[in-house]
Protein backbone atom coordinates (compact mmCIF):
# COMPACT_ATOMS: atom_id res chain seq x y z
CA UNK A 1 0.00 0.00 0.00
CA UNK A 2 0.85 3.64 -0.33
CA UNK A 3 0.10 5.18 3.05
CA UNK A 4 -0.25 8.83 4.06
CA UNK A 5 0.08 9.21 7.84
CA UNK A 6 -0.95 12.59 9.27
CA UNK A 7 0.33 13.42 12.76
CA UNK A 8 0.24 16.73 14.64
CA UNK A 9 2.03 17.14 17.96
CA UNK A 10 1.19 20.35 19.79
CA UNK A 11 2.94 20.26 23.19
CA UNK A 12 4.79 17.02 23.84
CA UNK A 13 6.30 14.64 21.30
CA UNK A 14 4.45 11.44 22.24
CA UNK A 15 2.09 11.46 19.28
CA UNK A 16 5.01 11.87 16.89
CA UNK A 17 7.07 9.10 18.51
CA UNK A 18 4.24 6.56 18.47
CA UNK A 19 3.30 7.38 14.88
CA UNK A 20 6.95 7.07 13.83
CA UNK A 21 7.15 3.59 15.36
CA UNK A 22 4.00 2.51 13.55
CA UNK A 23 5.21 4.00 10.28
CA UNK A 24 8.55 2.24 10.68
CA UNK A 25 6.82 -1.12 11.06
CA UNK A 26 4.80 -0.48 7.90
CA UNK A 27 7.98 0.36 6.00
CA UNK A 28 9.46 -2.93 7.22
CA UNK A 29 6.38 -4.62 5.72
CA UNK A 30 7.28 -2.95 2.41
CA UNK A 31 4.47 -0.39 2.44
CA UNK A 32 5.29 3.04 1.04
CA UNK A 33 4.70 5.47 3.90
CA UNK A 34 4.76 9.25 3.85
CA UNK A 35 4.33 10.97 7.19
CA UNK A 36 2.75 14.41 6.95
CA UNK A 37 3.76 16.27 10.10
CA UNK A 38 2.66 19.66 11.33
CA UNK A 39 4.42 20.25 14.65
CA UNK A 40 7.79 21.68 15.61
CA UNK A 41 10.69 19.72 14.12
CA UNK A 42 12.18 17.02 16.38
CA UNK A 43 15.53 15.49 15.46
CA UNK A 44 15.18 11.81 14.57
CA UNK A 45 11.39 11.83 14.17
CA UNK A 46 10.24 10.63 11.83
CA UNK A 47 13.30 8.46 11.09
CA UNK A 48 15.28 9.18 7.94
CA UNK A 49 14.00 6.09 6.12
CA UNK A 50 10.40 7.40 6.22
CA UNK A 51 9.34 10.02 3.69
CA UNK A 52 8.20 13.21 5.38
CA UNK A 53 6.15 16.20 4.22
CA UNK A 54 6.34 19.05 6.73
CA UNK A 55 3.45 21.47 6.91
CA UNK A 56 3.99 25.02 8.21
CA UNK A 57 4.58 24.38 11.92
CA UNK A 58 1.94 24.79 14.59
CA UNK A 59 2.19 24.28 18.34
CA UNK A 60 0.01 24.93 21.36
CA UNK A 61 0.00 28.53 22.45
CA UNK A 62 0.12 27.41 26.11
CA UNK A 63 -0.11 24.34 28.34
CA UNK A 64 -3.93 24.43 28.34
CA UNK A 65 -4.16 24.07 24.54
CA UNK A 66 -6.16 27.30 24.38
CA UNK A 67 -4.87 28.35 20.97
CA UNK A 68 -2.43 27.69 18.13
CA UNK A 69 0.89 29.42 17.53
CA UNK A 70 3.43 29.29 14.71
CA UNK A 71 7.05 28.21 15.14
CA UNK A 72 7.97 31.68 16.45
CA UNK A 73 5.28 31.62 19.14
CA UNK A 74 3.02 34.06 17.34
CA UNK A 75 -0.72 33.47 17.12
CA UNK A 76 -1.52 31.56 13.91
CA UNK A 77 -3.81 33.80 11.87
CA UNK A 78 -6.43 32.89 9.30
CA UNK A 79 -4.05 33.20 6.34
CA UNK A 80 -1.50 30.91 8.00
CA UNK A 81 -4.14 28.29 8.74
CA UNK A 82 -5.58 28.52 5.22
CA UNK A 83 -2.12 27.93 3.77
CA UNK A 84 -1.74 24.85 5.96
CA UNK A 85 -5.09 23.46 4.86
CA UNK A 86 -4.19 23.92 1.20
CA UNK A 87 -0.75 22.36 1.74
CA UNK A 88 -2.33 19.33 3.43
CA UNK A 89 -4.79 18.71 0.59
CA UNK A 90 -1.99 19.20 -1.95
CA UNK A 91 0.10 16.61 -0.10
CA UNK A 92 -2.78 14.14 -0.27
CA UNK A 93 -3.28 14.74 -4.00
CA UNK A 94 0.45 14.29 -4.65
CA UNK A 95 0.80 11.12 -2.58
CA UNK A 96 -2.42 9.50 -3.89
CA UNK A 97 -2.51 7.07 -0.97
CA UNK A 98 -4.31 3.74 -0.80
CA UNK A 99 -4.69 4.33 2.92
CA UNK A 100 -4.97 7.62 4.83
CA UNK A 101 -4.17 7.41 8.55
CA UNK A 102 -5.09 10.34 10.78
CA UNK A 103 -3.45 10.25 14.20
CA UNK A 104 -5.69 11.16 17.18
CA UNK A 105 -8.53 12.87 15.29
CA UNK A 106 -11.53 12.91 15.74
CA UNK A 107 -11.03 11.67 19.33
CA UNK A 108 -8.54 14.47 19.97
CA UNK A 109 -6.85 17.32 18.10
CA UNK A 110 -10.11 19.21 17.61
CA UNK A 111 -7.94 22.30 17.09
CA UNK A 112 -7.06 20.82 13.70
CA UNK A 113 -10.64 20.64 12.41
CA UNK A 114 -9.89 23.65 10.20
CA UNK A 115 -7.72 21.46 7.95
CA UNK A 116 -8.80 17.89 8.70
CA UNK A 117 -12.50 18.27 7.94
CA UNK A 118 -11.76 19.83 4.52
CA UNK A 119 -9.31 16.98 3.84
CA UNK A 120 -11.86 14.36 4.86
CA UNK A 121 -14.56 16.02 2.74
CA UNK A 122 -12.10 16.06 -0.16
CA UNK A 123 -11.57 12.30 0.28
CA UNK A 124 -15.27 11.59 0.68
CA UNK A 125 -16.04 13.37 -2.61
CA UNK A 126 -13.74 11.04 -4.56
CA UNK A 127 -15.25 8.32 -6.78
CA UNK A 128 -15.75 5.14 -4.68
CA UNK A 129 -13.30 3.16 -6.78
CA UNK A 130 -10.45 5.58 -6.14
CA UNK A 131 -11.11 6.60 -2.53
CA UNK A 132 -8.51 5.40 0.02
CA UNK A 133 -9.31 3.57 3.21
CA UNK A 134 -9.46 6.16 6.00
CA UNK A 135 -8.15 5.19 9.44
CA UNK A 136 -7.98 6.87 12.84
CA UNK A 137 -5.00 5.93 15.03
CA UNK A 138 -5.50 6.46 18.78
CA UNK A 139 -3.97 5.46 22.10
CA UNK A 140 -5.72 3.09 24.49
CA UNK A 141 -6.72 5.63 27.16
CA UNK A 142 -8.35 8.88 26.07
CA UNK A 143 -8.93 12.09 27.97
CA UNK A 144 -12.58 11.59 29.08
CA UNK A 145 -15.07 14.01 27.52
CA UNK A 146 -18.79 14.68 27.90
CA UNK A 147 -21.34 12.25 26.49
CA UNK A 148 -22.43 14.92 23.99
CA UNK A 149 -18.85 15.37 22.80
CA UNK A 150 -18.34 11.60 22.49
CA UNK A 151 -21.51 11.25 20.40
CA UNK A 152 -20.28 13.98 18.06
CA UNK A 153 -16.96 12.14 17.72
CA UNK A 154 -18.73 8.86 16.96
CA UNK A 155 -20.73 10.57 14.21
CA UNK A 156 -17.51 11.81 12.62
CA UNK A 157 -16.13 8.27 12.70
CA UNK A 158 -19.30 6.94 11.10
CA UNK A 159 -19.25 9.63 8.41
CA UNK A 160 -15.58 9.63 7.43
CA UNK A 161 -13.62 6.65 8.77
CA UNK A 162 -13.41 2.99 7.81
CA UNK A 163 -11.30 1.81 10.76
CA UNK A 164 -10.23 2.93 14.24
CA UNK A 165 -6.94 1.46 15.45
CA UNK A 166 -6.72 1.41 19.26
CA UNK A 167 -3.09 1.02 20.22
CA UNK A 168 -3.56 -0.99 23.39
CA UNK A 169 -4.18 -4.37 24.99
CA UNK A 170 -7.83 -4.96 25.93
CA UNK A 171 -6.72 -6.66 29.15
CA UNK A 172 -5.25 -3.36 30.34
CA UNK A 173 -7.73 -0.80 28.96
CA UNK A 174 -10.72 -0.82 26.64
CA UNK A 175 -11.99 2.11 24.63
CA UNK A 176 -15.42 2.18 26.30
CA UNK A 177 -13.80 3.03 29.65
CA UNK A 178 -12.81 6.51 28.49
CA UNK A 179 -15.06 6.95 25.44
CA UNK A 180 -18.76 6.61 26.22
CA UNK A 181 -19.87 6.16 22.58
CA UNK A 182 -17.56 3.21 21.90
CA UNK A 183 -20.45 0.82 21.13
CA UNK A 184 -21.53 3.01 18.20
CA UNK A 185 -18.24 2.37 16.42
CA UNK A 186 -17.40 -1.13 17.69
CA UNK A 187 -17.71 -2.58 14.17
CA UNK A 188 -14.90 -0.28 13.02
CA UNK A 189 -12.60 -0.78 16.03
CA UNK A 190 -9.49 -2.98 16.17
CA UNK A 191 -6.96 -3.33 19.01
CA UNK A 192 -3.30 -3.56 18.07
CA UNK A 193 -1.52 -4.04 21.38
CA UNK A 194 0.74 -1.31 22.78
CA UNK A 195 3.23 0.33 20.45
CA UNK A 196 6.46 -0.36 22.32
CA UNK A 197 10.04 -0.29 21.01
CA UNK A 198 11.35 -3.35 19.21
CA UNK A 199 12.63 -5.96 21.65
CA UNK A 200 15.52 -6.75 19.32
CA UNK A 201 17.13 -3.31 19.53
CA UNK A 202 20.82 -3.73 20.42
CA UNK A 203 22.17 -2.80 23.84
CA UNK A 204 24.06 0.48 24.13
CA UNK A 205 27.46 1.07 25.64
CA UNK A 206 26.26 3.71 28.13
CA UNK A 207 24.74 2.45 31.35
CA UNK A 208 22.84 4.45 33.96
CA UNK A 209 21.24 3.13 37.14
CA UNK A 210 18.55 5.81 37.39
CA UNK A 211 17.00 7.46 34.33
CA UNK A 212 14.74 10.47 34.81
CA UNK A 213 12.86 11.63 31.73
CA UNK A 214 10.17 14.20 31.00
CA UNK A 215 8.98 13.36 27.50
CA UNK A 216 9.03 16.49 25.37
CA UNK A 217 9.89 18.49 28.50
CA UNK A 218 7.39 21.31 28.09
CA UNK A 219 5.68 20.48 31.40
CA UNK A 220 8.37 18.43 33.14
CA UNK A 221 10.49 20.87 35.16
CA UNK A 222 8.93 20.07 38.56
CA UNK A 223 9.51 16.35 38.05
CA UNK A 224 13.13 16.88 37.01
CA UNK A 225 13.97 19.23 39.89
CA UNK A 226 12.33 16.98 42.50
CA UNK A 227 14.21 13.97 41.16
CA UNK A 228 17.55 15.77 41.21
CA UNK A 229 16.97 16.96 44.78
CA UNK A 230 15.87 13.45 45.83
CA UNK A 231 19.12 11.79 44.73
CA UNK A 232 20.97 12.37 48.04
CA UNK A 233 17.99 10.93 49.96
CA UNK A 234 17.82 7.62 48.09
CA UNK A 235 19.73 4.36 48.44
CA UNK A 236 21.04 5.08 44.92
CA UNK A 237 22.79 8.32 45.84
CA UNK A 238 26.17 7.05 44.61
CA UNK A 239 24.76 5.43 41.48
CA UNK A 240 25.01 6.89 38.01
CA UNK A 241 22.01 9.07 37.09
CA UNK A 242 20.82 10.38 33.74
CA UNK A 243 18.30 13.21 33.45
CA UNK A 244 16.75 13.64 29.99
CA UNK A 245 14.99 16.99 29.97
CA UNK A 246 13.22 16.73 26.63
CA UNK A 247 13.77 19.15 23.73
CA UNK A 248 11.03 21.55 24.83
CA UNK A 249 12.25 22.38 28.33
CA UNK A 250 13.29 26.07 28.36
CA UNK A 251 17.03 26.65 28.23
CA UNK A 252 17.04 28.55 31.52
CA UNK A 253 15.50 25.53 33.26
CA UNK A 254 18.16 23.25 31.76
CA UNK A 255 20.87 25.63 33.01
CA UNK A 256 19.40 25.57 36.54
CA UNK A 257 19.43 21.78 36.59
CA UNK A 258 23.02 21.60 35.37
CA UNK A 259 24.15 24.09 38.01
CA UNK A 260 22.66 21.87 40.74
CA UNK A 261 23.85 18.50 39.43
CA UNK A 262 26.71 16.52 40.97
CA UNK A 263 29.44 14.65 39.12
CA UNK A 264 27.52 11.37 38.86
CA UNK A 265 24.49 13.04 37.24
CA UNK A 266 24.46 13.61 33.49
CA UNK A 267 21.89 16.02 32.06
CA UNK A 268 20.98 15.83 28.39
CA UNK A 269 18.16 17.28 26.35
CA UNK A 270 17.46 14.17 24.31
CA UNK A 271 18.58 10.56 23.81
CA UNK A 272 17.08 8.83 20.76
CA UNK A 273 18.11 5.48 22.28
CA UNK A 274 16.29 6.08 25.58
CA UNK A 275 14.30 2.84 25.27
CA UNK A 276 17.53 0.83 24.99
CA UNK A 277 19.05 2.66 27.96
CA UNK A 278 16.03 1.78 30.10
CA UNK A 279 16.64 -1.93 29.53
CA UNK A 280 19.92 -1.58 31.43
CA UNK A 281 18.66 0.72 34.21
CA UNK A 282 17.53 -0.15 37.72
CA UNK A 283 14.73 2.41 37.80
CA UNK A 284 12.93 4.86 35.52
CA UNK A 285 11.39 8.09 36.82
CA UNK A 286 8.96 9.77 34.45
CA UNK A 287 5.52 11.08 33.77
CA UNK A 288 2.96 8.51 32.66
CA UNK A 289 2.69 9.25 28.97
CA UNK A 290 1.89 6.39 26.61
CA UNK A 291 5.31 6.06 24.98
CA UNK A 292 7.38 6.25 28.16
CA UNK A 293 5.18 3.63 29.82
CA UNK A 294 5.52 1.40 26.76
CA UNK A 295 9.32 1.82 26.95
CA UNK A 296 9.34 0.91 30.64
CA UNK A 297 7.10 -2.13 30.16
CA UNK A 298 9.43 -3.38 27.44
CA UNK A 299 12.49 -2.73 29.62
CA UNK A 300 10.90 -4.33 32.71
CA UNK A 301 12.80 -1.97 35.01
CA UNK A 302 11.44 -0.46 38.21
CA UNK A 303 9.25 2.57 37.56
CA UNK A 304 8.17 5.72 39.37
CA UNK A 305 5.36 7.60 37.62
CA UNK A 306 4.28 11.20 38.23
CA UNK A 307 1.27 11.64 35.93
CA UNK A 308 0.64 15.00 34.30
CA UNK A 309 -2.70 16.17 35.70
CA UNK A 310 -2.89 19.92 35.09
CA UNK A 311 -5.85 21.59 33.35
CA UNK A 312 -8.17 18.64 34.11
CA UNK A 313 -6.02 16.02 32.34
CA UNK A 314 -6.90 12.49 33.52
CA UNK A 315 -5.36 10.16 30.92
CA UNK A 316 -1.94 9.80 32.55
CA UNK A 317 -3.42 9.39 36.03
CA UNK A 318 -5.64 6.54 34.82
CA UNK A 319 -2.64 4.80 33.23
CA UNK A 320 -0.35 5.30 36.23
CA UNK A 321 -2.83 4.09 38.85
CA UNK A 322 -3.60 0.96 36.84
CA UNK A 323 0.09 0.14 36.57
CA UNK A 324 0.52 0.73 40.30
CA UNK A 325 -2.44 -1.53 41.06
CA UNK A 326 -0.83 -4.23 38.90
CA UNK A 327 2.41 -3.95 40.89
CA UNK A 328 4.37 -2.56 37.94
CA UNK A 329 5.02 0.99 39.14
CA UNK A 330 4.91 3.36 42.09
CA UNK A 331 2.75 6.43 41.48
CA UNK A 332 3.18 9.92 42.97
CA UNK A 333 0.28 12.34 42.36
CA UNK A 334 1.61 15.67 41.11
CA UNK A 335 0.25 17.50 44.18
CA UNK A 336 2.32 15.21 46.44
CA UNK A 337 5.57 15.63 44.52
CA UNK A 338 8.58 16.62 46.65
CA UNK A 339 12.20 15.48 46.99
CA UNK A 340 11.22 13.37 50.01
CA UNK A 341 8.25 11.68 48.32
CA UNK A 342 10.35 11.06 45.24
CA UNK A 343 13.17 9.46 47.23
CA UNK A 344 10.72 7.16 49.04
CA UNK A 345 9.09 6.20 45.74
CA UNK A 346 12.41 5.39 44.06
CA UNK A 347 13.48 3.12 46.92
CA UNK A 348 10.04 1.48 47.06
CA UNK A 349 10.06 0.84 43.30
CA UNK A 350 13.48 -0.80 43.54
CA UNK A 351 12.17 -3.17 46.23
CA UNK A 352 8.96 -3.95 44.33
CA UNK A 353 8.56 -7.52 43.08
CA UNK A 354 7.19 -6.91 39.60
CA UNK A 355 5.09 -9.60 37.96
CA UNK A 356 5.20 -9.53 34.15
CA UNK A 357 3.39 -12.85 33.70
CA UNK A 358 0.36 -10.98 32.34
CA UNK A 359 2.48 -10.38 29.23
CA UNK A 360 0.73 -7.30 27.92
CA UNK A 361 0.87 -7.15 24.14
CA UNK A 362 3.68 -4.75 23.25
CA UNK A 363 4.17 -5.43 19.54
CA UNK A 364 1.49 -2.98 18.44
CA UNK A 365 3.52 -1.43 15.64
CA UNK A 366 4.02 -4.72 13.79
CA UNK A 367 0.43 -5.76 14.53
CA UNK A 368 -0.83 -2.47 13.08
CA UNK A 369 0.90 -3.16 9.78
CA UNK A 370 -0.75 -6.58 9.58
CA UNK A 371 -4.19 -5.31 10.54
CA UNK A 372 -4.02 -2.54 7.95
CA UNK A 373 -3.08 -5.00 5.21
CA UNK A 374 -5.94 -7.34 6.12
CA UNK A 375 -8.52 -4.56 6.46
CA UNK A 376 -7.40 -2.91 3.22
CA UNK A 377 -7.87 -6.14 1.30
CA UNK A 378 -11.43 -6.36 2.68
CA UNK A 379 -11.97 -2.66 1.90
CA UNK A 380 -10.99 -3.25 -1.74
CA UNK A 381 -13.32 -6.25 -2.04
CA UNK A 382 -16.29 -4.43 -0.55
CA UNK A 383 -16.11 -1.04 -2.25
């Protein structure tokens, strides 16, 4: 298949990382994939072997997703947004995909309706014999919305989409738990398993005992500072620590961390091989975003999770508390975060007897490629 994969990251980089892993698996299955990305550029994503069309960049104007800004932080005006919409439709017409994958929408990314609804209408107006299969790609746990909002989302799925890929294991989370209209689209829903890194990735030469990471870094400073201050209070105070700030942490915050770090603490903005490093670590300290949790589950290291919960966000808290209940992590609510609570959590996580016999499905990227091939063959037969 020729696949066009649209992904827009606005604040963190999780959406882009997960989509890149899925796209990479499709390329390995010999599908021709072009990722159409619209966020700020992130080194290494998508990987070099995946074709990439970059739209004029957009990001969230603030941490509450209240508006859209361009790459210089200025409010994105009507002309800027119109140019993006036209560029997106042009990309579709140039790629001529057999399959169009839209990451997150319509379950999230409502800010992008200005360009996605015109694209979907453009696709819907095509002759049936030439129209591509249209797919939504979503994580397993959504930010809960109102019943009215969920019904509106389900109608968009019914009107525009042929398939909804849920990147999760049904034994851990099902769509109906955070999306009240799931029954209305159950005939279009398929679970892939979690999109975790490849288990066959080679080990790396560097080894750290404690790895603290904050995803994209835009909202991670409190976690990083508490972890750094907790080091002297833990049983791992002489161990080797790595703090990965994320590319979006402000430079002044990175400078503050470096000024406070001791000799056995290394502070970096980004490590593209973070998943491989975790496999050799004693403990991971992080937020509870989808990709980091998938990395930790693959690594099977001890885990301390501080879920992002500002502005009414619930998704990470749901994920973290379920992992804690399963004995796979220690959770610290953001309002309880302090150097002392962090130190206690790190030591507790290291003592925890983790049981991985449940064997959550972690090969979601490869499974996605197979599901798409199977569903596309059925789509061709039925159209």
